[in-house]
C-alpha atoms as a PDB file:
ATOM      1  CA  MET A   1     -50.838 182.253-170.392  1.00  0.00           C
ATOM      2  CA  ALA A   2     -51.971 182.707-173.590  1.00  0.00           C
ATOM      3  CA  GLN A   3     -54.153 180.914-175.620  1.00  0.00           C
ATOM      4  CA  PRO A   4     -53.350 178.777-178.648  1.00  0.00           C
ATOM      5  CA  GLY A   5     -53.940 181.225-181.729  1.00  0.00           C
ATOM      6  CA  SER A   6     -54.290 184.770-179.429  1.00  0.00           C
ATOM      7  CA  SER A   7     -52.202 187.182-179.841  1.00  0.00           C
ATOM      8  CA  ILE A   8     -49.694 188.857-177.585  1.00  0.00           C
ATOM      9  CA  ARG A   9     -50.001 192.758-177.205  1.00  0.00           C
ATOM     10  CA  THR A  10     -47.514 195.255-175.375  1.00  0.00           C
ATOM     11  CA  VAL A  11     -48.764 198.907-174.308  1.00  0.00           C
ATOM     12  CA  HIS A  12     -46.907 201.391-172.337  1.00  0.00           C
ATOM     13  CA  VAL A  13     -49.511 203.674-170.662  1.00  0.00           C
ATOM     14  CA  SER A  14     -49.666 207.168-169.191  1.00  0.00           C
ATOM     15  CA  ILE A  15     -52.280 207.939-166.568  1.00  0.00           C
ATOM     16  CA  THR A  16     -52.888 211.459-165.532  1.00  0.00           C
ATOM     17  CA  GLY A  17     -55.375 213.113-163.158  1.00  0.00           C
ATOM     18  CA  THR A  18     -55.439 212.651-159.714  1.00  0.00           C
ATOM     19  CA  VAL A  19     -53.929 208.559-159.658  1.00  0.00           C
ATOM     20  CA  GLN A  20     -51.503 209.066-157.137  1.00  0.00           C
ATOM     21  CA  GLY A  21     -52.147 208.985-153.297  1.00  0.00           C
ATOM     22  CA  VAL A  22     -55.148 206.713-153.938  1.00  0.00           C
ATOM     23  CA  GLY A  23     -53.836 203.067-154.479  1.00  0.00           C
ATOM     24  CA  PHE A  24     -53.449 203.412-158.150  1.00  0.00           C
ATOM     25  CA  ARG A  25     -50.643 201.447-158.155  1.00  0.00           C
ATOM     26  CA  TYR A  26     -51.555 198.424-155.885  1.00  0.00           C
ATOM     27  CA  TRP A  27     -55.280 198.859-158.080  1.00  0.00           C
ATOM     28  CA  THR A  28     -53.402 197.890-161.204  1.00  0.00           C
ATOM     29  CA  GLU A  29     -51.423 195.048-159.417  1.00  0.00           C
ATOM     30  CA  ALA A  30     -54.427 193.703-158.335  1.00  0.00           C
ATOM     31  CA  ILE A  31     -56.210 193.634-161.520  1.00  0.00           C
ATOM     32  CA  ALA A  32     -53.043 192.740-163.905  1.00  0.00           C
ATOM     33  CA  THR A  33     -52.181 189.743-161.459  1.00  0.00           C
ATOM     34  CA  ASP A  34     -55.865 188.557-161.978  1.00  0.00           C
ATOM     35  CA  LEU A  35     -55.777 188.714-165.915  1.00  0.00           C
ATOM     36  CA  ALA A  36     -52.231 186.537-166.005  1.00  0.00           C
ATOM     37  CA  LEU A  37     -50.369 190.239-167.662  1.00  0.00           C
ATOM     38  CA  ALA A  38     -46.697 190.720-166.977  1.00  0.00           C
ATOM     39  CA  GLY A  39     -44.865 194.162-166.591  1.00  0.00           C
ATOM     40  CA  TRP A  40     -45.170 196.771-164.116  1.00  0.00           C
ATOM     41  CA  VAL A  41     -46.569 200.384-162.938  1.00  0.00           C
ATOM     42  CA  ARG A  42     -44.982 203.311-160.738  1.00  0.00           C
ATOM     43  CA  ASN A  43     -46.082 206.574-159.759  1.00  0.00           C
ATOM     44  CA  ARG A  44     -43.935 209.402-161.578  1.00  0.00           C
ATOM     45  CA  ALA A  45     -42.779 212.300-160.736  1.00  0.00           C
ATOM     46  CA  ASP A  46     -44.653 214.727-162.537  1.00  0.00           C
ATOM     47  CA  GLY A  47     -47.959 213.369-160.887  1.00  0.00           C
ATOM     48  CA  SER A  48     -49.173 210.630-163.488  1.00  0.00           C
ATOM     49  CA  VAL A  49     -48.674 206.787-163.040  1.00  0.00           C
ATOM     50  CA  GLU A  50     -46.453 205.285-165.516  1.00  0.00           C
ATOM     51  CA  ALA A  51     -47.360 200.833-166.747  1.00  0.00           C
ATOM     52  CA  VAL A  52     -46.675 198.586-168.948  1.00  0.00           C
ATOM     53  CA  PHE A  53     -49.159 195.676-169.557  1.00  0.00           C
ATOM     54  CA  SER A  54     -48.380 192.855-171.747  1.00  0.00           C
ATOM     55  CA  GLY A  55     -50.249 189.499-172.104  1.00  0.00           C
ATOM     56  CA  PRO A  56     -53.239 188.650-174.635  1.00  0.00           C
ATOM     57  CA  ALA A  57     -54.677 191.263-176.858  1.00  0.00           C
ATOM     58  CA  GLU A  58     -58.121 190.644-174.779  1.00  0.00           C
ATOM     59  CA  ALA A  59     -56.942 190.790-171.515  1.00  0.00           C
ATOM     60  CA  VAL A  60     -54.593 194.151-172.514  1.00  0.00           C
ATOM     61  CA  GLU A  61     -58.174 195.545-173.708  1.00  0.00           C
ATOM     62  CA  GLU A  62     -59.781 195.104-170.410  1.00  0.00           C
ATOM     63  CA  ILE A  63     -57.188 196.207-168.141  1.00  0.00           C
ATOM     64  CA  LEU A  64     -56.748 199.819-170.337  1.00  0.00           C
ATOM     65  CA  ASP A  65     -60.822 199.835-170.197  1.00  0.00           C
ATOM     66  CA  ARG A  66     -60.302 200.148-166.873  1.00  0.00           C
ATOM     67  CA  CYS A  67     -57.900 201.744-166.535  1.00  0.00           C
ATOM     68  CA  HIS A  68     -59.929 205.258-167.448  1.00  0.00           C
ATOM     69  CA  GLU A  69     -61.971 204.763-164.220  1.00  0.00           C
ATOM     70  CA  GLY A  70     -59.414 203.532-161.663  1.00  0.00           C
ATOM     71  CA  PRO A  71     -59.334 203.248-158.216  1.00  0.00           C
ATOM     72  CA  ARG A  72     -62.967 204.603-156.550  1.00  0.00           C
ATOM     73  CA  PRO A  73     -60.511 207.751-155.547  1.00  0.00           C
ATOM     74  CA  ALA A  74     -59.470 208.609-158.668  1.00  0.00           C
ATOM     75  CA  ARG A  75     -60.377 210.804-161.365  1.00  0.00           C
ATOM     76  CA  VAL A  76     -58.911 209.972-165.152  1.00  0.00           C
ATOM     77  CA  GLU A  77     -58.047 212.275-166.810  1.00  0.00           C
ATOM     78  CA  ARG A  78     -56.257 211.099-169.579  1.00  0.00           C
ATOM     79  CA  VAL A  79     -55.118 207.389-170.447  1.00  0.00           C
ATOM     80  CA  ASP A  80     -52.196 207.945-173.043  1.00  0.00           C
ATOM     81  CA  VAL A  81     -51.232 204.059-174.578  1.00  0.00           C
ATOM     82  CA  ARG A  82     -48.122 203.435-177.153  1.00  0.00           C
ATOM     83  CA  GLU A  83     -47.713 200.417-178.495  1.00  0.00           C
ATOM     84  CA  GLY A  84     -44.746 198.241-177.128  1.00  0.00           C
ATOM     85  CA  GLU A  85     -42.623 196.067-179.274  1.00  0.00           C
ATOM     86  CA  SER A  86     -41.660 193.112-177.069  1.00  0.00           C
ATOM     87  CA  THR A  87     -43.190 191.510-174.442  1.00  0.00           C
ATOM     88  CA  SER A  88     -42.291 191.955-170.755  1.00  0.00           C
ATOM     89  CA  PRO A  89     -40.804 189.133-168.314  1.00  0.00           C
ATOM     90  CA  PRO A  90     -43.470 186.828-166.385  1.00  0.00           C
ATOM     91  CA  GLY A  91     -45.153 188.544-163.622  1.00  0.00           C
ATOM     92  CA  PHE A  92     -46.580 191.535-162.584  1.00  0.00           C
ATOM     93  CA  ARG A  93     -44.738 194.260-160.142  1.00  0.00           C
ATOM     94  CA  VAL A  94     -44.635 197.604-158.335  1.00  0.00           C
ATOM     95  CA  LEU A  95     -41.697 199.788-159.163  1.00  0.00           C
ATOM     96  CA  PRO A  96     -40.168 202.811-157.587  1.00  0.00           C
ATOM     97  CA  THR A  97     -41.210 206.393-158.161  1.00  0.00           C
ATOM     98  CA  ALA A  98     -39.415 207.831-161.140  1.00  0.00           C
END
């Protein structure tokens, strides 16, 4: 839950590099859950990982910072962030590959 006076931020993220087959989605789900973020994560057919994070701006910034590293076997080359306009429903989930 957001603290009183804190702003809610929603971002749509694309992560490229060696990010599939290394546990990136489940690593992301664990961190997002720890940070009480809403949203989702999924693999893309092009080899990237796509995610939406929604929650307190500070928590969103924290997960974005962590996405630049990823889980230990990952090799992140790029994290592209687009600001979103709406919040996600409560909870964070792993979606099927798109």
